[in-house]
């Protein structure tokens, strides 16, 4: 049962230096001034808690956020696997049509552009369907419950991939797998944002992107290892590897603490207190669990008083419309900046004349560079530079790389130019993973109101799925030698959308660095412009001194 703010307040009783959690049926009502004072102390602690202090105070929270994000490794693995299978000799021979041996089709076989599009986008279509139900399920049952059962379904649906006798069955398998994968991706970043303090929130939500890269790295290594084989096991074994992850993760997710924000919204305050205790180090004297719980209640109360609802329709009302726009655009930025092009990099390398072995070496090297870029961002960029600045410079760098790839295509008859295009692809990967790739995950998790977070992330994910489906279909037709075969000129297409993304980001993307959730609520309610977010000071208690009244 979900209780109103007054019920939740009634569920708290003050006992000396901490808040005791009682049943919501208890008639004892907390001293509201005391709760406001504790919330104020909690907000002050959040603002003063630096990244290193937060790591020492919340090691368990970091550990559980890392566990939840590990679920995304499978989606990164399969997304990269399938996109690069199109250039895989064993896969081409099994599922493709004979088109003749050439530099761009060394095996002599090729999947048609229509099948590449259908197979590649079936996962996105499944993801779209999965996200629609994820927002409702997570709001009612919590992220932990939804993640655990999604892993169970992944384990079952991999059988369709492994035993697929034809493209139809394989497409059905990809569609069904897209449902739990989308659920895992949206719930993991929502969970991380709710169990961590502001100073390290971006690191752990962007870690989801790192897990994507780890999945791609595993995929690249597996593909490289089997690229010389032509039997059915060359593509079946890579599919079978996906069975390993759920077996490891399901027990860990089962024992993980639930998000305290979800528990507060459901009126389960005693469980919220226990969850917060499990997330905090027992030796952390600079952090009070009672104060943290008070900040959660205070923020939820503020949003309730400002009539922030909890349905999908509420994501498009008032200030929430602007927040949903930002979540959608940052999440979908990967599609606008050419991620479909990057996911099929091996296929692109072959289309411009780079050999099969070298193509897979470049793919593996590029993925390693992407993983290294994540650490560069974590330790050398994010501690010192605002999120908006990182995003803007990232989009500018990525767009430049894409336009250069298109310009170089004028000299594609020269092998050195083809290698130069391949190097630009690697540079693109490094810049993407150090900037837009990570922030595209963290922005949707931080920008939404707490009551609508899961649904806003789901809306953003579905907008991204639509963009990825459109971009994926275009990418397959542009690169397929039996279709448009534009080769490196594809850089002009994604470079153009990159320019549009930069313009939007400059005028619409706000700075969220080290802002508590309630500060963001106030800034959006006051309609502060994106370029003024960073320099606008907010006093939460002054703005909302009677939240619980």
Protein backbone atom coordinates (compact mmCIF):
# COMPACT_ATOMS: atom_id res chain seq x y z
CA UNK A 1 0.00 0.00 0.00
CA UNK A 2 1.27 3.50 -0.82
CA UNK A 3 0.91 6.22 1.81
CA UNK A 4 0.63 9.95 1.43
CA UNK A 5 3.25 12.35 2.76
CA UNK A 6 1.33 12.71 5.99
CA UNK A 7 1.26 8.92 6.43
CA UNK A 8 4.99 8.73 5.83
CA UNK A 9 5.65 11.48 8.34
CA UNK A 10 3.46 9.68 10.84
CA UNK A 11 5.60 6.61 10.37
CA UNK A 12 8.62 8.36 11.89
CA UNK A 13 9.26 8.96 15.57
CA UNK A 14 12.13 10.93 17.04
CA UNK A 15 14.35 9.21 19.57
CA UNK A 16 17.28 11.27 20.82
CA UNK A 17 19.84 11.54 17.98
CA UNK A 18 18.16 9.48 15.29
CA UNK A 19 14.86 8.72 13.62
CA UNK A 20 13.14 5.49 14.59
CA UNK A 21 10.95 3.94 11.94
CA UNK A 22 7.60 2.69 13.11
CA UNK A 23 4.59 1.29 11.34
CA UNK A 24 2.69 3.81 9.18
CA UNK A 25 -0.35 2.94 11.30
CA UNK A 26 1.37 4.44 14.36
CA UNK A 27 -0.50 7.51 15.61
CA UNK A 28 2.68 9.20 16.85
CA UNK A 29 3.54 12.10 14.55
CA UNK A 30 7.09 13.34 14.07
CA UNK A 31 8.13 16.83 15.02
CA UNK A 32 8.03 18.41 11.58
CA UNK A 33 10.59 21.06 12.44
CA UNK A 34 13.00 18.35 13.54
CA UNK A 35 12.50 16.44 10.29
CA UNK A 36 13.11 19.61 8.26
CA UNK A 37 16.27 20.26 10.28
CA UNK A 38 17.51 16.74 9.63
CA UNK A 39 16.71 17.07 5.94
CA UNK A 40 18.67 20.33 5.84
CA UNK A 41 21.63 18.62 7.50
CA UNK A 42 21.36 15.77 5.02
CA UNK A 43 21.35 18.11 2.02
CA UNK A 44 24.36 19.97 3.41
CA UNK A 45 26.24 16.69 3.85
CA UNK A 46 25.45 15.69 0.25
CA UNK A 47 26.81 18.99 -1.04
CA UNK A 48 30.01 18.79 1.03
CA UNK A 49 30.69 15.09 0.42
CA UNK A 50 33.45 14.91 -2.20
CA UNK A 51 33.97 11.88 -4.48
CA UNK A 52 36.63 10.25 -2.30
CA UNK A 53 34.69 10.85 0.93
CA UNK A 54 31.59 9.39 -0.76
CA UNK A 55 33.54 6.28 -1.78
CA UNK A 56 34.63 5.74 1.82
CA UNK A 57 31.14 6.38 3.20
CA UNK A 58 29.19 4.30 0.67
CA UNK A 59 31.32 1.30 -0.42
CA UNK A 60 28.35 -1.06 -0.23
CA UNK A 61 26.18 1.24 -2.36
CA UNK A 62 28.94 1.39 -4.96
CA UNK A 63 29.26 -2.39 -4.92
CA UNK A 64 25.54 -2.97 -5.45
CA UNK A 65 25.37 -0.33 -8.20
CA UNK A 66 28.27 -2.10 -9.93
CA UNK A 67 26.47 -5.44 -9.67
CA UNK A 68 23.28 -4.07 -11.22
CA UNK A 69 25.19 -2.43 -14.07
CA UNK A 70 26.97 -5.71 -14.87
CA UNK A 71 23.65 -6.91 -16.29
CA UNK A 72 24.15 -4.52 -19.21
CA UNK A 73 27.30 -6.37 -20.32
CA UNK A 74 25.07 -8.87 -22.10
CA UNK A 75 23.31 -6.22 -24.17
CA UNK A 76 26.63 -4.65 -25.19
CA UNK A 77 27.93 -8.11 -26.04
CA UNK A 78 25.01 -9.12 -28.24
CA UNK A 79 24.63 -5.72 -29.92
CA UNK A 80 28.26 -5.80 -31.01
CA UNK A 81 28.12 -9.51 -31.79
CA UNK A 82 25.22 -9.31 -34.19
CA UNK A 83 26.41 -6.15 -35.95
CA UNK A 84 29.81 -7.69 -36.65
CA UNK A 85 28.40 -11.11 -37.59
CA UNK A 86 27.38 -9.55 -40.93
CA UNK A 87 31.09 -9.62 -41.88
CA UNK A 88 31.67 -13.04 -40.27
CA UNK A 89 32.42 -15.78 -42.84
CA UNK A 90 30.66 -18.61 -40.96
CA UNK A 91 27.56 -16.47 -40.34
CA UNK A 92 27.49 -15.24 -43.95
CA UNK A 93 27.70 -18.77 -45.33
CA UNK A 94 24.93 -20.07 -43.03
CA UNK A 95 22.41 -17.24 -43.39
CA UNK A 96 23.49 -15.26 -46.47
CA UNK A 97 23.04 -15.49 -50.23
CA UNK A 98 25.82 -16.10 -52.73
CA UNK A 99 26.75 -12.83 -54.48
CA UNK A 100 30.23 -13.67 -55.75
CA UNK A 101 33.70 -13.23 -54.29
CA UNK A 102 35.06 -9.67 -54.16
CA UNK A 103 37.12 -7.40 -51.90
CA UNK A 104 33.99 -6.38 -49.95
CA UNK A 105 32.56 -9.96 -49.85
CA UNK A 106 35.58 -12.29 -49.42
CA UNK A 107 33.40 -15.27 -48.44
CA UNK A 108 31.20 -14.86 -51.51
CA UNK A 109 28.08 -14.70 -49.33
CA UNK A 110 26.15 -11.69 -48.08
CA UNK A 111 22.99 -11.05 -46.08
CA UNK A 112 20.58 -8.83 -47.97
CA UNK A 113 20.10 -5.30 -46.70
CA UNK A 114 16.48 -6.13 -45.84
CA UNK A 115 17.48 -9.04 -43.61
CA UNK A 116 20.29 -7.06 -42.03
CA UNK A 117 17.80 -4.34 -41.15
CA UNK A 118 15.13 -6.74 -39.92
CA UNK A 119 17.52 -8.83 -37.87
CA UNK A 120 19.45 -5.88 -36.50
CA UNK A 121 16.41 -3.84 -35.51
CA UNK A 122 14.34 -6.69 -34.06
CA UNK A 123 16.23 -6.21 -30.78
CA UNK A 124 15.31 -2.52 -30.74
CA UNK A 125 11.66 -3.34 -31.42
CA UNK A 126 11.71 -5.84 -28.57
CA UNK A 127 13.37 -3.23 -26.39
CA UNK A 128 10.63 -0.75 -27.20
CA UNK A 129 8.00 -3.22 -26.01
CA UNK A 130 10.01 -4.13 -22.92
CA UNK A 131 10.45 -0.53 -21.85
CA UNK A 132 6.70 0.11 -22.02
CA UNK A 133 6.06 -2.39 -19.23
CA UNK A 134 9.28 -1.72 -17.29
CA UNK A 135 8.15 1.68 -16.00
CA UNK A 136 4.99 0.21 -14.50
CA UNK A 137 6.65 -2.92 -13.10
CA UNK A 138 9.58 -1.06 -11.50
CA UNK A 139 7.26 1.54 -9.96
CA UNK A 140 5.18 -1.16 -8.29
CA UNK A 141 7.71 -3.89 -7.51
CA UNK A 142 11.07 -2.09 -7.44
CA UNK A 143 14.13 -2.28 -9.66
CA UNK A 144 15.66 -5.29 -7.91
CA UNK A 145 12.64 -7.52 -8.52
CA UNK A 146 12.37 -6.51 -12.19
CA UNK A 147 16.10 -6.97 -12.85
CA UNK A 148 16.11 -10.45 -11.33
CA UNK A 149 13.23 -11.74 -13.44
CA UNK A 150 14.62 -10.11 -16.57
CA UNK A 151 17.78 -12.18 -16.13
CA UNK A 152 15.66 -15.32 -15.92
CA UNK A 153 14.01 -14.49 -19.26
CA UNK A 154 17.40 -13.76 -20.87
CA UNK A 155 18.54 -17.25 -19.90
CA UNK A 156 15.48 -18.73 -21.62
CA UNK A 157 15.52 -16.64 -24.81
CA UNK A 158 19.19 -17.35 -25.63
CA UNK A 159 18.06 -20.87 -26.60
CA UNK A 160 16.34 -19.39 -29.67
CA UNK A 161 19.57 -17.73 -30.80
CA UNK A 162 21.69 -20.81 -30.23
CA UNK A 163 19.41 -23.30 -32.01
CA UNK A 164 18.12 -20.95 -34.75
CA UNK A 165 17.89 -22.95 -38.01
CA UNK A 166 17.10 -19.88 -40.12
CA UNK A 167 16.87 -16.10 -40.06
CA UNK A 168 13.21 -16.08 -39.03
CA UNK A 169 13.85 -17.94 -35.76
CA UNK A 170 16.98 -15.87 -35.11
CA UNK A 171 14.99 -12.67 -35.61
CA UNK A 172 12.32 -13.85 -33.16
CA UNK A 173 15.04 -14.65 -30.64
CA UNK A 174 16.58 -11.19 -31.02
CA UNK A 175 13.16 -9.58 -30.59
CA UNK A 176 12.41 -11.49 -27.39
CA UNK A 177 15.86 -10.82 -25.95
CA UNK A 178 15.39 -7.12 -26.60
CA UNK A 179 12.58 -7.06 -24.02
CA UNK A 180 14.63 -8.01 -20.91
CA UNK A 181 17.75 -6.22 -22.17
CA UNK A 182 15.93 -2.90 -22.29
CA UNK A 183 14.57 -3.58 -18.81
CA UNK A 184 18.05 -4.29 -17.46
CA UNK A 185 19.51 -1.14 -19.01
CA UNK A 186 16.81 1.21 -17.71
CA UNK A 187 16.52 -0.29 -14.22
CA UNK A 188 20.26 -0.46 -13.59
CA UNK A 189 20.86 3.27 -14.10
CA UNK A 190 17.74 4.15 -12.13
CA UNK A 191 18.93 1.98 -9.25
CA UNK A 192 22.44 3.48 -9.29
CA UNK A 193 21.11 7.05 -9.25
CA UNK A 194 18.94 6.31 -6.21
CA UNK A 195 21.48 4.56 -3.98
CA UNK A 196 24.42 6.94 -4.49
CA UNK A 197 25.20 10.51 -3.29
CA UNK A 198 25.42 13.29 -5.93
CA UNK A 199 29.24 13.51 -6.00
CA UNK A 200 29.66 9.97 -7.38
CA UNK A 201 26.27 9.49 -9.01
CA UNK A 202 27.48 10.34 -12.52
CA UNK A 203 30.43 7.95 -12.22
CA UNK A 204 28.28 4.96 -11.44
CA UNK A 205 25.44 5.75 -13.83
CA UNK A 206 28.01 6.24 -16.60
CA UNK A 207 29.57 2.93 -15.51
CA UNK A 208 26.61 1.35 -17.28
CA UNK A 209 28.17 2.57 -20.50
CA UNK A 210 31.48 1.00 -19.43
CA UNK A 211 29.67 -2.31 -18.98
CA UNK A 212 28.40 -1.91 -22.53
CA UNK A 213 32.01 -1.53 -23.66
CA UNK A 214 33.11 -4.54 -21.61
CA UNK A 215 30.42 -6.53 -23.40
CA UNK A 216 31.67 -5.22 -26.74
CA UNK A 217 35.26 -6.06 -25.76
CA UNK A 218 34.32 -9.63 -24.88
CA UNK A 219 32.41 -9.83 -28.16
CA UNK A 220 35.39 -8.49 -30.14
CA UNK A 221 37.72 -11.02 -28.51
CA UNK A 222 35.34 -13.91 -29.16
CA UNK A 223 34.80 -12.84 -32.77
CA UNK A 224 38.53 -12.53 -33.31
CA UNK A 225 39.10 -15.99 -31.86
CA UNK A 226 36.56 -17.68 -34.13
CA UNK A 227 36.95 -15.54 -37.28
CA UNK A 228 39.05 -18.21 -39.00
CA UNK A 229 36.48 -21.00 -38.48
CA UNK A 230 33.72 -21.77 -40.97
CA UNK A 231 31.67 -24.35 -39.03
CA UNK A 232 28.37 -23.56 -37.30
CA UNK A 233 30.17 -23.43 -33.93
CA UNK A 234 31.95 -20.26 -35.04
CA UNK A 235 28.72 -18.33 -34.37
CA UNK A 236 26.92 -20.72 -32.00
CA UNK A 237 29.57 -20.63 -29.28
CA UNK A 238 29.52 -16.79 -29.16
CA UNK A 239 25.74 -17.01 -28.66
CA UNK A 240 26.14 -19.68 -25.94
CA UNK A 241 28.48 -17.51 -23.86
CA UNK A 242 25.44 -15.39 -22.93
CA UNK A 243 24.15 -18.22 -20.72
CA UNK A 244 26.96 -17.60 -18.25
CA UNK A 245 25.98 -14.12 -17.00
CA UNK A 246 22.49 -14.75 -15.56
CA UNK A 247 23.78 -17.74 -13.58
CA UNK A 248 26.28 -15.45 -11.84
CA UNK A 249 24.08 -12.38 -11.45
CA UNK A 250 20.70 -13.75 -10.35
CA UNK A 251 21.90 -14.77 -6.83
CA UNK A 252 23.65 -11.41 -6.37
CA UNK A 253 20.60 -9.40 -7.42
CA UNK A 254 18.41 -11.51 -5.13
CA UNK A 255 20.37 -10.47 -2.01
CA UNK A 256 20.82 -6.82 -3.05
CA UNK A 257 19.02 -4.07 -1.06
CA UNK A 258 16.06 -2.37 -2.70
CA UNK A 259 16.22 1.32 -3.59
CA UNK A 260 15.29 3.39 -0.48
CA UNK A 261 13.54 5.90 -2.75
CA UNK A 262 11.20 3.21 -4.02
CA UNK A 263 10.53 2.01 -0.47
CA UNK A 264 9.72 5.54 0.74
CA UNK A 265 7.33 6.09 -2.17
CA UNK A 266 5.60 2.83 -1.23
CA UNK A 267 5.33 3.89 2.44
CA UNK A 268 7.69 1.13 3.66
CA UNK A 269 9.83 3.37 5.87
CA UNK A 270 11.22 0.67 8.13
CA UNK A 271 12.56 -1.18 5.08
CA UNK A 272 13.92 2.08 3.65
CA UNK A 273 15.91 2.66 6.84
CA UNK A 274 17.31 -0.89 6.72
CA UNK A 275 18.20 -0.46 3.06
CA UNK A 276 20.08 2.78 3.78
CA UNK A 277 21.99 1.05 6.58
CA UNK A 278 23.08 -1.67 4.15
CA UNK A 279 24.25 0.92 1.63
CA UNK A 280 26.40 2.91 4.08
CA UNK A 281 29.66 1.97 5.77
CA UNK A 282 29.19 1.27 9.47
CA UNK A 283 32.33 3.30 10.20
CA UNK A 284 31.15 6.41 8.30
CA UNK A 285 30.56 8.94 11.08
CA UNK A 286 30.14 11.89 8.70
CA UNK A 287 26.94 10.48 7.20
CA UNK A 288 23.68 10.05 9.12
CA UNK A 289 21.20 7.45 7.89
CA UNK A 290 18.38 9.36 9.59
CA UNK A 291 19.34 12.57 7.79
CA UNK A 292 19.54 10.75 4.47
CA UNK A 293 16.09 9.27 5.01
CA UNK A 294 14.80 12.74 5.89
CA UNK A 295 16.14 14.16 2.60
CA UNK A 296 14.35 11.43 0.66
CA UNK A 297 11.06 12.13 2.44
CA UNK A 298 11.55 15.89 2.03
CA UNK A 299 12.22 15.60 -1.72
CA UNK A 300 9.34 13.21 -2.30
CA UNK A 301 7.06 15.52 -0.31
CA UNK A 302 8.17 18.55 -2.33
CA UNK A 303 7.38 16.76 -5.59
CA UNK A 304 4.03 15.56 -4.26
CA UNK A 305 3.13 19.09 -3.12
CA UNK A 306 4.03 20.43 -6.56
CA UNK A 307 1.65 17.90 -8.08
CA UNK A 308 4.30 15.82 -9.83
CA UNK A 309 2.44 12.64 -10.70
CA UNK A 310 3.72 9.15 -11.40
CA UNK A 311 2.17 8.15 -14.75
CA UNK A 312 3.68 8.20 -18.23
CA UNK A 313 1.39 11.11 -19.11
CA UNK A 314 2.93 13.17 -16.29
CA UNK A 315 6.30 12.99 -18.08
CA UNK A 316 4.89 15.45 -20.61
CA UNK A 317 3.28 17.99 -18.25
CA UNK A 318 4.73 21.27 -16.99
CA UNK A 319 8.46 21.26 -16.13
CA UNK A 320 8.54 17.48 -16.64
CA UNK A 321 8.16 17.97 -20.40
CA UNK A 322 11.47 19.83 -20.51
CA UNK A 323 13.14 17.19 -18.36
CA UNK A 324 11.81 14.42 -20.59
CA UNK A 325 13.12 16.27 -23.65
CA UNK A 326 16.62 16.43 -22.14
CA UNK A 327 16.51 12.76 -21.11
CA UNK A 328 15.37 11.72 -24.59
CA UNK A 329 17.91 13.79 -26.48
CA UNK A 330 20.91 12.83 -24.35
CA UNK A 331 20.01 9.13 -24.39
CA UNK A 332 19.38 9.20 -28.16
CA UNK A 333 22.51 11.26 -28.83
CA UNK A 334 24.31 8.00 -29.56
CA UNK A 335 22.05 7.48 -32.58
CA UNK A 336 22.44 11.06 -33.82
CA UNK A 337 26.22 10.90 -33.58
CA UNK A 338 26.66 7.61 -35.50
CA UNK A 339 26.58 4.73 -33.01
CA UNK A 340 25.05 2.36 -35.57
CA UNK A 341 28.05 3.12 -37.76
CA UNK A 342 30.38 2.24 -34.86
CA UNK A 343 28.54 -0.98 -33.95
CA UNK A 344 29.19 -2.34 -37.44
CA UNK A 345 32.76 -1.04 -37.71
CA UNK A 346 34.14 -4.38 -38.93
CA UNK A 347 31.59 -4.37 -41.73
CA UNK A 348 32.59 -0.80 -42.61
CA UNK A 349 36.30 -1.67 -42.62
CA UNK A 350 35.66 -4.49 -45.09
CA UNK A 351 33.49 -2.26 -47.30
CA UNK A 352 36.38 0.19 -47.79
CA UNK A 353 38.83 -2.60 -48.64
CA UNK A 354 40.44 -3.52 -45.30
CA UNK A 355 41.02 -7.30 -44.98
CA UNK A 356 39.00 -9.55 -42.66
CA UNK A 357 41.81 -10.25 -40.17
CA UNK A 358 42.85 -6.59 -39.99
CA UNK A 359 39.20 -5.55 -39.65
CA UNK A 360 38.70 -7.70 -36.54
CA UNK A 361 42.05 -6.54 -35.13
CA UNK A 362 40.92 -2.93 -35.56
CA UNK A 363 37.56 -3.72 -33.98
CA UNK A 364 39.24 -5.29 -30.95
CA UNK A 365 41.72 -2.41 -30.68
CA UNK A 366 38.96 0.19 -30.94
CA UNK A 367 36.97 -1.48 -28.17
CA UNK A 368 40.04 -1.50 -25.90
CA UNK A 369 40.51 2.20 -26.64
CA UNK A 370 36.88 2.80 -25.69
CA UNK A 371 37.34 1.10 -22.33
CA UNK A 372 40.51 3.11 -21.68
CA UNK A 373 38.61 6.30 -22.58
CA UNK A 374 36.09 5.59 -19.81
CA UNK A 375 38.86 5.61 -17.21
CA UNK A 376 40.34 8.77 -18.73
CA UNK A 377 36.97 10.46 -18.29
CA UNK A 378 36.53 9.17 -14.73
CA UNK A 379 39.92 10.29 -13.41
CA UNK A 380 41.07 13.14 -15.67
CA UNK A 381 37.92 14.87 -16.95
CA UNK A 382 34.80 14.43 -14.79
CA UNK A 383 36.42 15.50 -11.48
CA UNK A 384 37.31 18.88 -12.98
CA UNK A 385 34.92 19.64 -15.86
CA UNK A 386 31.15 20.16 -15.90
CA UNK A 387 28.91 17.59 -17.58
CA UNK A 388 27.48 20.08 -20.08
CA UNK A 389 30.98 21.14 -21.18
CA UNK A 390 32.10 17.53 -21.62
CA UNK A 391 29.02 16.74 -23.68
CA UNK A 392 29.39 19.77 -25.96
CA UNK A 393 33.08 19.20 -26.68
CA UNK A 394 32.41 15.51 -27.23
CA UNK A 395 29.74 16.17 -29.84
CA UNK A 396 32.04 18.66 -31.59
CA UNK A 397 34.92 16.16 -31.73
CA UNK A 398 32.74 13.29 -32.93
CA UNK A 399 31.16 15.40 -35.65
CA UNK A 400 34.60 16.46 -36.89
CA UNK A 401 35.75 12.83 -37.16
CA UNK A 402 32.65 11.84 -39.12
CA UNK A 403 32.99 14.71 -41.59
CA UNK A 404 36.67 13.86 -42.15
CA UNK A 405 35.75 10.23 -42.90
CA UNK A 406 33.33 11.48 -45.56
CA UNK A 407 35.88 13.87 -47.07
CA UNK A 408 38.54 11.14 -47.29
CA UNK A 409 36.17 8.90 -49.24
CA UNK A 410 37.09 10.88 -52.37
CA UNK A 411 40.38 8.90 -52.41
CA UNK A 412 39.08 5.44 -51.48
CA UNK A 413 41.07 3.77 -54.25
CA UNK A 414 44.17 4.28 -52.11
CA UNK A 415 44.78 1.76 -49.32
CA UNK A 416 46.47 4.38 -47.14
CA UNK A 417 43.30 6.47 -47.22
CA UNK A 418 41.19 3.47 -46.20
CA UNK A 419 43.48 2.94 -43.22
CA UNK A 420 43.21 6.66 -42.39
CA UNK A 421 39.42 6.29 -42.31
CA UNK A 422 39.82 3.27 -40.03
CA UNK A 423 42.05 5.30 -37.69
CA UNK A 424 39.43 8.06 -37.58
CA UNK A 425 36.89 5.43 -36.56
CA UNK A 426 39.15 4.48 -33.65
CA UNK A 427 39.54 8.14 -32.65
CA UNK A 428 35.74 8.50 -32.86
CA UNK A 429 35.38 5.53 -30.50
CA UNK A 430 37.79 7.06 -27.98
CA UNK A 431 36.07 10.46 -27.98
CA UNK A 432 32.60 8.91 -27.81
CA UNK A 433 33.34 6.70 -24.82
CA UNK A 434 35.12 9.53 -22.99
CA UNK A 435 32.24 11.98 -23.43
CA UNK A 436 28.81 11.43 -25.00
CA UNK A 437 28.80 7.67 -24.50
CA UNK A 438 28.98 7.94 -20.71
CA UNK A 439 26.90 11.07 -20.20
CA UNK A 440 24.17 9.73 -22.48
CA UNK A 441 23.49 7.19 -19.72
CA UNK A 442 23.95 9.45 -16.69
CA UNK A 443 21.86 12.44 -17.81
CA UNK A 444 18.50 10.57 -18.04
CA UNK A 445 19.09 9.05 -14.59
CA UNK A 446 19.79 12.43 -12.96
CA UNK A 447 17.61 14.91 -14.85
CA UNK A 448 14.16 13.54 -14.01
CA UNK A 449 12.13 14.06 -10.85
CA UNK A 450 12.40 11.18 -8.39
CA UNK A 451 8.72 10.23 -8.66
CA UNK A 452 8.99 9.95 -12.44
CA UNK A 453 12.58 8.76 -12.76
CA UNK A 454 11.90 5.21 -13.90
CA UNK A 455 9.22 6.27 -16.36
CA UNK A 456 11.30 9.18 -17.71
CA UNK A 457 14.20 6.80 -18.31
CA UNK A 458 11.79 4.43 -20.05
CA UNK A 459 10.42 7.23 -22.25
CA UNK A 460 14.00 8.24 -23.12
CA UNK A 461 14.96 4.65 -23.84
CA UNK A 462 11.99 4.18 -26.16
CA UNK A 463 12.77 7.41 -27.99
CA UNK A 464 16.30 6.06 -28.36
CA UNK A 465 14.96 2.75 -29.67
CA UNK A 466 12.96 4.59 -32.34
CA UNK A 467 16.06 6.58 -33.33
CA UNK A 468 18.23 3.46 -33.32
CA UNK A 469 15.75 1.54 -35.46
CA UNK A 470 15.64 4.37 -38.01
CA UNK A 471 19.42 4.86 -37.94
CA UNK A 472 20.06 1.12 -38.09
CA UNK A 473 17.91 0.62 -41.17
CA UNK A 474 19.57 3.56 -42.91
CA UNK A 475 23.03 2.33 -41.90
CA UNK A 476 22.50 -1.16 -43.32
CA UNK A 477 21.24 0.16 -46.65
CA UNK A 478 24.03 2.74 -46.86
CA UNK A 479 26.78 0.18 -46.21
CA UNK A 480 25.49 -2.95 -47.97
CA UNK A 481 27.29 -3.53 -51.32
CA UNK A 482 24.03 -4.87 -52.80
CA UNK A 483 22.11 -1.70 -51.79
CA UNK A 484 23.30 1.95 -51.69
CA UNK A 485 26.97 1.12 -50.97
CA UNK A 486 27.96 4.70 -50.02
CA UNK A 487 31.00 3.50 -48.02
CA UNK A 488 32.83 6.39 -46.32
CA UNK A 489 30.31 8.99 -47.48
CA UNK A 490 28.19 7.78 -44.57
CA UNK A 491 30.34 10.16 -42.50
CA UNK A 492 28.53 13.12 -44.08
CA UNK A 493 25.16 11.72 -42.99
CA UNK A 494 26.02 11.26 -39.32
CA UNK A 495 28.20 14.37 -39.33
CA UNK A 496 25.16 16.42 -40.35
CA UNK A 497 23.02 15.02 -37.54
CA UNK A 498 25.95 15.67 -35.20
CA UNK A 499 25.87 19.37 -36.11
CA UNK A 500 22.16 19.51 -35.25
CA UNK A 501 22.83 17.74 -31.94
CA UNK A 502 25.50 20.31 -31.04
CA UNK A 503 23.09 23.19 -31.69
CA UNK A 504 20.42 21.58 -29.50
CA UNK A 505 22.92 20.85 -26.72
CA UNK A 506 24.21 24.41 -26.62
CA UNK A 507 20.76 25.92 -26.08
CA UNK A 508 18.90 23.18 -24.17
CA UNK A 509 21.34 21.06 -22.13
CA UNK A 510 21.72 22.20 -18.47
CA UNK A 511 24.57 21.53 -16.04
CA UNK A 512 23.70 18.94 -13.36
CA UNK A 513 27.11 18.53 -11.72
CA UNK A 514 26.80 17.74 -7.98
CA UNK A 515 23.16 18.87 -7.69
CA UNK A 516 20.85 17.07 -5.21
CA UNK A 517 17.58 15.95 -6.76
CA UNK A 518 15.52 18.60 -4.97
CA UNK A 519 17.77 21.40 -6.24
CA UNK A 520 17.08 20.19 -9.78
CA UNK A 521 13.35 20.16 -9.00
CA UNK A 522 13.52 23.80 -7.91
CA UNK A 523 15.63 24.92 -10.90
CA UNK A 524 13.21 23.36 -13.36
CA UNK A 525 10.16 24.71 -11.54
CA UNK A 526 11.72 28.20 -11.71
CA UNK A 527 12.35 27.69 -15.46
CA UNK A 528 16.04 28.57 -15.22
CA UNK A 529 17.62 28.52 -18.70
CA UNK A 530 20.09 25.76 -19.55
CA UNK A 531 23.05 28.13 -19.80
CA UNK A 532 22.28 29.61 -16.35
CA UNK A 533 21.95 26.34 -14.43
CA UNK A 534 25.60 26.19 -13.35
CA UNK A 535 25.68 29.71 -11.89
CA UNK A 536 22.28 29.67 -10.15
CA UNK A 537 22.46 29.12 -6.38
CA UNK A 538 19.62 27.28 -4.65
CA UNK A 539 18.76 27.21 -0.93
CA UNK A 540 16.49 24.19 -0.64
CA UNK A 541 15.17 24.96 2.83
CA UNK A 542 14.52 28.62 2.05
CA UNK A 543 12.70 27.72 -1.16
CA UNK A 544 10.60 25.11 0.53
CA UNK A 545 10.52 25.76 4.27
CA UNK A 546 6.99 24.39 4.64
CA UNK A 547 7.25 21.27 2.50
CA UNK A 548 5.79 19.03 5.15
CA UNK A 549 3.13 21.45 6.23
